[in-house]
Protein backbone atom coordinates (compact mmCIF):
# COMPACT_ATOMS: atom_id res chain seq x y z
CA MET A 1 -132.24 23.81 68.57
CA ALA A 2 -129.33 25.99 67.60
CA ASP A 3 -127.17 22.98 66.82
CA THR A 4 -129.71 21.71 64.25
CA LYS A 5 -129.88 25.02 62.68
CA LYS A 6 -125.98 25.03 62.22
CA VAL A 7 -126.12 21.66 60.66
CA SER A 8 -128.99 22.62 58.20
CA ASP A 9 -126.91 25.87 57.44
CA ALA A 10 -123.88 23.97 56.69
CA ALA A 11 -125.80 21.46 54.58
CA ASN A 12 -127.38 24.13 52.46
CA LEU A 13 -124.13 25.77 51.84
CA ALA A 14 -122.58 22.40 50.77
CA PHE A 15 -125.55 21.63 48.39
CA SER A 16 -125.41 25.01 46.82
CA LEU A 17 -121.72 24.57 46.11
CA GLU A 18 -122.41 21.03 44.50
CA LYS A 19 -125.04 22.77 42.14
CA GLY A 20 -122.33 25.13 41.15
CA GLU A 21 -123.52 28.38 42.51
CA LYS A 22 -120.97 30.84 43.70
CA VAL A 23 -121.87 31.13 47.38
CA LYS A 24 -119.15 33.53 48.26
CA ASP A 25 -115.84 35.11 46.85
CA GLY A 26 -112.99 32.86 46.59
CA VAL A 27 -114.92 29.61 46.24
CA ARG A 28 -114.98 27.90 43.10
CA ILE A 29 -116.50 24.55 41.95
CA ILE A 30 -113.86 22.53 40.25
CA LYS A 31 -114.20 18.95 38.53
CA ILE A 32 -112.30 16.40 40.70
CA ASP A 33 -110.71 14.80 37.71
CA SER A 34 -108.89 18.15 36.78
CA ILE A 35 -107.20 18.31 40.22
CA GLU A 36 -103.74 16.62 40.71
CA THR A 37 -102.66 15.37 44.01
CA ASN A 38 -99.95 17.25 45.89
CA PRO A 39 -96.46 15.48 45.60
CA ASP A 40 -95.41 16.99 48.88
CA GLN A 41 -98.31 15.45 50.73
CA PRO A 42 -96.73 13.94 53.78
CA ARG A 43 -99.65 11.59 54.69
CA THR A 44 -99.27 8.34 52.75
CA ARG A 45 -101.79 6.07 54.81
CA PHE A 46 -105.50 6.90 54.62
CA ASP A 47 -107.73 4.79 56.94
CA GLN A 48 -110.31 3.29 54.71
CA ALA A 49 -113.06 2.85 57.30
CA ALA A 50 -112.77 6.58 58.28
CA LEU A 51 -112.82 7.55 54.41
CA GLN A 52 -116.04 5.66 54.02
CA GLU A 53 -117.68 7.30 57.06
CA LEU A 54 -116.60 10.81 55.71
CA ALA A 55 -117.95 9.80 52.27
CA ALA A 56 -121.36 8.73 53.80
CA SER A 57 -121.39 12.26 55.62
CA ILE A 58 -120.55 14.00 52.25
CA LYS A 59 -123.47 12.15 50.62
CA ASN A 60 -125.72 13.64 53.24
CA TYR A 61 -124.41 17.03 53.70
CA GLY A 62 -122.10 17.75 50.94
CA VAL A 63 -118.48 19.16 51.22
CA ILE A 64 -118.83 21.67 54.00
CA GLN A 65 -115.26 22.97 53.94
CA PRO A 66 -113.62 23.69 50.60
CA ILE A 67 -110.15 22.18 49.71
CA LEU A 68 -107.21 24.31 48.84
CA VAL A 69 -105.74 24.20 45.35
CA THR A 70 -103.34 26.20 43.11
CA GLU A 71 -103.81 26.82 39.45
CA LEU A 72 -101.34 24.93 37.15
CA GLY A 73 -102.77 26.28 33.70
CA ASP A 74 -104.72 24.48 30.99
CA GLY A 75 -107.65 23.92 33.21
CA LYS A 76 -105.56 21.85 35.74
CA TYR A 77 -105.08 22.44 39.44
CA GLU A 78 -102.77 20.93 42.07
CA LEU A 79 -104.12 20.14 45.53
CA ILE A 80 -102.42 21.81 48.37
CA ALA A 81 -104.64 20.83 51.45
CA GLY A 82 -107.74 18.59 51.84
CA GLU A 83 -106.81 15.22 50.11
CA ARG A 84 -108.93 13.28 52.57
CA ARG A 85 -111.92 15.30 51.71
CA MET A 86 -111.29 14.87 47.98
CA ARG A 87 -110.73 11.23 48.23
CA ALA A 88 -114.11 10.78 50.38
CA SER A 89 -115.89 13.00 47.73
CA MET A 90 -114.86 10.57 44.98
CA LEU A 91 -116.02 7.65 47.14
CA ALA A 92 -119.40 9.52 47.49
CA GLY A 93 -119.64 9.79 43.75
CA LEU A 94 -119.19 13.58 43.45
CA SER A 95 -117.76 14.84 40.20
CA THR A 96 -116.84 18.32 41.43
CA ILE A 97 -115.64 19.90 44.71
CA PRO A 98 -115.65 23.31 46.22
CA CYS A 99 -112.15 24.91 46.16
CA ILE A 100 -110.38 27.91 47.21
CA VAL A 101 -107.78 28.84 44.59
CA LYS A 102 -104.58 30.55 45.67
CA SER A 103 -100.98 30.81 44.34
CA PHE A 104 -98.19 29.25 46.29
CA THR A 105 -94.44 28.78 45.85
CA GLU A 106 -93.08 25.11 45.87
CA SER A 107 -91.93 25.76 49.55
CA ASP A 108 -95.42 27.06 50.47
CA ARG A 109 -97.03 23.91 49.08
CA ALA A 110 -94.90 21.60 51.20
CA GLU A 111 -95.33 23.71 54.28
CA ILE A 112 -99.11 24.14 54.03
CA ALA A 113 -99.53 20.32 53.42
CA LEU A 114 -97.56 19.52 56.41
CA ILE A 115 -99.17 22.08 58.83
CA GLU A 116 -102.63 20.98 57.78
CA ASN A 117 -101.77 17.40 58.67
CA LEU A 118 -100.06 18.45 61.88
CA GLN A 119 -102.98 20.46 63.00
CA ARG A 120 -105.31 17.49 62.49
CA GLU A 121 -102.88 15.06 64.10
CA ASP A 122 -103.34 13.06 60.88
CA LEU A 123 -99.60 12.06 60.52
CA ASN A 124 -97.93 8.94 62.15
CA PRO A 125 -94.45 9.54 63.58
CA VAL A 126 -92.69 8.36 60.47
CA GLU A 127 -94.78 10.52 57.95
CA GLU A 128 -94.15 13.45 60.23
CA ALA A 129 -90.35 12.90 60.29
CA LYS A 130 -90.26 12.48 56.58
CA ALA A 131 -92.20 15.58 56.07
CA TYR A 132 -89.90 17.60 58.21
CA ARG A 133 -86.90 16.37 56.31
CA ALA A 134 -88.53 16.98 52.99
CA LEU A 135 -89.31 20.61 54.03
CA MET A 136 -85.93 21.31 55.40
CA ASP A 137 -84.37 19.87 52.21
CA LYS A 138 -86.62 22.01 49.92
CA SER A 139 -86.45 25.34 51.93
CA GLY A 140 -82.79 25.22 53.33
CA MET A 141 -84.32 25.71 56.81
CA THR A 142 -82.38 24.69 59.78
CA GLN A 143 -84.00 22.58 62.57
CA GLU A 144 -84.27 25.82 64.74
CA GLU A 145 -85.89 27.71 61.78
CA LEU A 146 -88.35 24.98 61.13
CA ALA A 147 -89.28 24.63 64.79
CA ASN A 148 -90.02 28.42 64.88
CA LYS A 149 -92.03 28.23 61.83
CA LEU A 150 -94.16 25.34 63.03
CA GLY A 151 -94.45 26.67 66.66
CA LYS A 152 -92.53 23.64 67.90
CA SER A 153 -89.40 23.21 69.98
CA ARG A 154 -86.09 22.33 68.33
CA PRO A 155 -85.60 19.05 70.39
CA ALA A 156 -89.08 17.94 69.28
CA ILE A 157 -88.03 18.33 65.55
CA ALA A 158 -84.69 16.63 66.41
CA ASN A 159 -86.16 13.74 68.10
CA SER A 160 -88.50 13.24 65.15
CA LEU A 161 -85.72 13.33 62.57
CA ARG A 162 -83.87 10.70 64.59
CA LEU A 163 -86.51 8.11 63.55
CA LEU A 164 -85.23 8.33 59.98
CA THR A 165 -81.82 6.73 60.92
CA LEU A 166 -83.76 3.43 61.73
CA SER A 167 -84.07 0.37 59.60
CA PRO A 168 -86.91 0.50 57.17
CA ASN A 169 -88.39 -2.67 58.81
CA VAL A 170 -88.47 -0.85 62.13
CA LEU A 171 -90.23 2.20 60.40
CA GLU A 172 -92.81 -0.18 59.00
CA LEU A 173 -93.63 -1.28 62.58
CA VAL A 174 -94.10 2.34 63.57
CA GLU A 175 -96.18 3.16 60.65
CA ALA A 176 -98.42 0.18 61.25
CA GLY A 177 -98.95 1.40 64.75
CA ARG A 178 -97.25 -1.69 66.41
CA LEU A 179 -94.44 0.50 67.89
CA SER A 180 -94.72 4.01 69.23
CA ALA A 181 -92.39 6.90 68.43
CA GLY A 182 -91.01 6.46 72.03
CA HIS A 183 -90.06 2.78 71.37
CA ALA A 184 -88.44 3.90 67.88
CA ARG A 185 -86.43 6.69 69.59
CA THR A 186 -85.20 4.13 72.04
CA LEU A 187 -83.84 1.89 69.30
CA ALA A 188 -82.16 4.76 67.39
CA VAL A 189 -79.05 4.60 69.68
CA ILE A 190 -78.41 1.04 68.25
CA LYS A 191 -76.33 1.22 65.10
CA ASP A 192 -76.54 -2.40 63.92
CA GLN A 193 -79.93 -2.56 61.91
CA LYS A 194 -80.23 -6.25 62.50
CA VAL A 195 -80.34 -5.86 66.18
CA GLN A 196 -82.73 -2.90 65.84
CA GLU A 197 -85.15 -5.19 63.91
CA SER A 198 -84.74 -7.95 66.42
CA TYR A 199 -85.47 -5.63 69.38
CA ALA A 200 -88.26 -3.87 67.58
CA LYS A 201 -90.05 -7.25 66.64
CA ALA A 202 -89.53 -8.38 70.33
CA ALA A 203 -91.05 -5.25 71.61
CA ALA A 204 -94.12 -5.34 69.30
CA ASP A 205 -94.72 -9.09 69.67
CA LYS A 206 -94.47 -8.92 73.58
CA LYS A 207 -96.24 -5.40 73.74
CA MET A 208 -93.24 -4.09 75.72
CA SER A 209 -93.48 -0.71 77.44
CA VAL A 210 -91.05 1.93 76.50
CA ARG A 211 -89.39 1.56 79.90
CA GLN A 212 -88.92 -2.18 79.36
CA LEU A 213 -87.31 -1.71 75.97
CA GLU A 214 -85.08 1.09 77.39
CA ARG A 215 -83.67 -1.52 79.92
CA MET A 216 -83.18 -4.14 77.24
CA VAL A 217 -81.26 -1.52 75.03
CA ALA A 218 -79.31 -0.22 77.89
CA HIS A 219 -78.11 -3.92 78.93
CA TYR A 220 -77.11 -4.27 75.00
CA LEU A 221 -75.06 -1.14 75.05
CA ASN A 222 -73.50 -1.65 78.48
CA PRO A 223 -73.50 -5.34 79.17
CA LYS A 224 -72.23 -6.25 82.85
CA LYS A 225 -68.44 -6.78 82.83
CA PRO A 226 -67.62 -10.30 84.11
CA THR A 227 -65.34 -10.40 87.09
CA ARG A 228 -63.10 -13.05 85.61
CA ILE A 229 -62.63 -13.88 81.76
CA TYR A 230 -60.51 -16.60 80.60
CA ASN A 231 -58.86 -15.35 77.42
CA SER A 232 -57.03 -18.48 76.19
CA PRO A 233 -56.67 -18.61 72.34
CA GLU A 234 -58.65 -21.94 72.35
CA LEU A 235 -61.57 -20.34 74.18
CA LYS A 236 -61.61 -17.27 72.04
CA GLU A 237 -61.63 -19.50 68.92
CA LEU A 238 -64.60 -21.58 70.55
CA VAL A 239 -66.60 -18.36 71.23
CA ASN A 240 -65.99 -17.12 67.72
CA ASN A 241 -67.12 -20.37 66.12
CA MET A 242 -70.19 -20.38 68.35
CA GLN A 243 -71.00 -17.00 67.36
CA HIS A 244 -70.66 -17.81 63.64
CA THR A 245 -72.67 -21.17 64.09
CA PHE A 246 -75.45 -19.54 66.15
CA GLY A 247 -75.51 -16.28 64.49
CA THR A 248 -75.86 -14.32 67.77
CA LYS A 249 -73.67 -12.84 70.56
CA VAL A 250 -71.90 -15.52 72.71
CA LYS A 251 -69.80 -14.83 75.86
CA ALA A 252 -67.62 -17.02 77.92
CA ILE A 253 -66.89 -16.25 81.58
CA GLY A 254 -64.55 -18.24 83.89
CA ASN A 255 -61.17 -19.73 83.81
CA ASN A 256 -59.53 -22.93 82.67
CA GLU A 257 -61.15 -24.81 85.39
CA LYS A 258 -64.92 -23.72 85.29
CA GLY A 259 -67.19 -21.01 83.96
CA ARG A 260 -70.16 -20.24 81.89
CA ILE A 261 -70.99 -19.65 78.17
CA TYR A 262 -73.86 -17.31 77.44
CA ILE A 263 -75.72 -17.43 74.16
CA ASP A 264 -78.01 -14.43 73.63
CA TYR A 265 -81.37 -14.64 71.75
CA TYR A 266 -83.60 -11.56 71.13
CA THR A 267 -86.87 -13.00 69.88
CA LYS A 268 -88.65 -16.32 69.99
CA ASP A 269 -87.66 -16.87 66.32
CA ASP A 270 -83.96 -16.52 67.58
CA LEU A 271 -84.52 -19.15 70.33
CA ILE A 272 -86.24 -21.59 67.92
CA ARG A 273 -83.34 -21.27 65.35
CA ILE A 274 -80.74 -21.85 68.03
CA TYR A 275 -82.86 -24.90 69.40
CA ASP A 276 -82.93 -26.26 65.83
CA LEU A 277 -79.18 -26.03 65.40
CA VAL A 278 -78.57 -27.73 68.77
CA GLU A 279 -80.83 -30.61 67.59
CA LYS A 280 -78.89 -30.93 64.36
CA LEU A 281 -75.59 -30.89 66.26
CA LYS A 282 -76.91 -33.73 68.49
């Protein structure tokens, strides 16, 4: 019974706000089309299904929690926190929204937008890393200072920022949810972006665990040294030519009597490409 009353009270508050009544100090009813989005909003992806669900809730109960804005002048405002609620309100057909209006510095705006999303766990790992970097660039804070400000450890901030060294194609897989932050950090030690992308695609397609990818990367960084390598100029030239032809790493192990030639491939597409080249050579 108590829960029902809570929902009813919240709904009455929301409906009163929508009618334009001043329910309590600090809350204003502002036209949505006079509110500009926050350029420092770290979140770039909004789940449309979740927005539709929130819009349906807002149609029934109104906007229960006001959004946070700052005044720009000339009847304009800038959104500081609550973009998801504002988007859902627009989907619900509302023309106004309850707001708390406060003044903020440019650094405050970026910081509050980041903290709101972190508290709600709304950011994917790439958005989080980009937000840390943007906040550090704007405020001049060090990793240590940022960590203290956000209540996180410095290694956590450093590990997050490492993601930004990855290829954009790898970051896209992380943002799409096909790779975890753990997978991405494992790939960050590889400097060659083409190899990063090849390994990332293989890990995503094969649904590798982080541990499996770690072993794969460790082998790439520290390949087993052969016991005997034949280094004749002719063999070196052959290996170089094969690497150029197949577009991948080629190793020759053995001597002038016998040995092995290894051709690496990192994805199914790599294997198909090598197969097609061999068919043409036949």
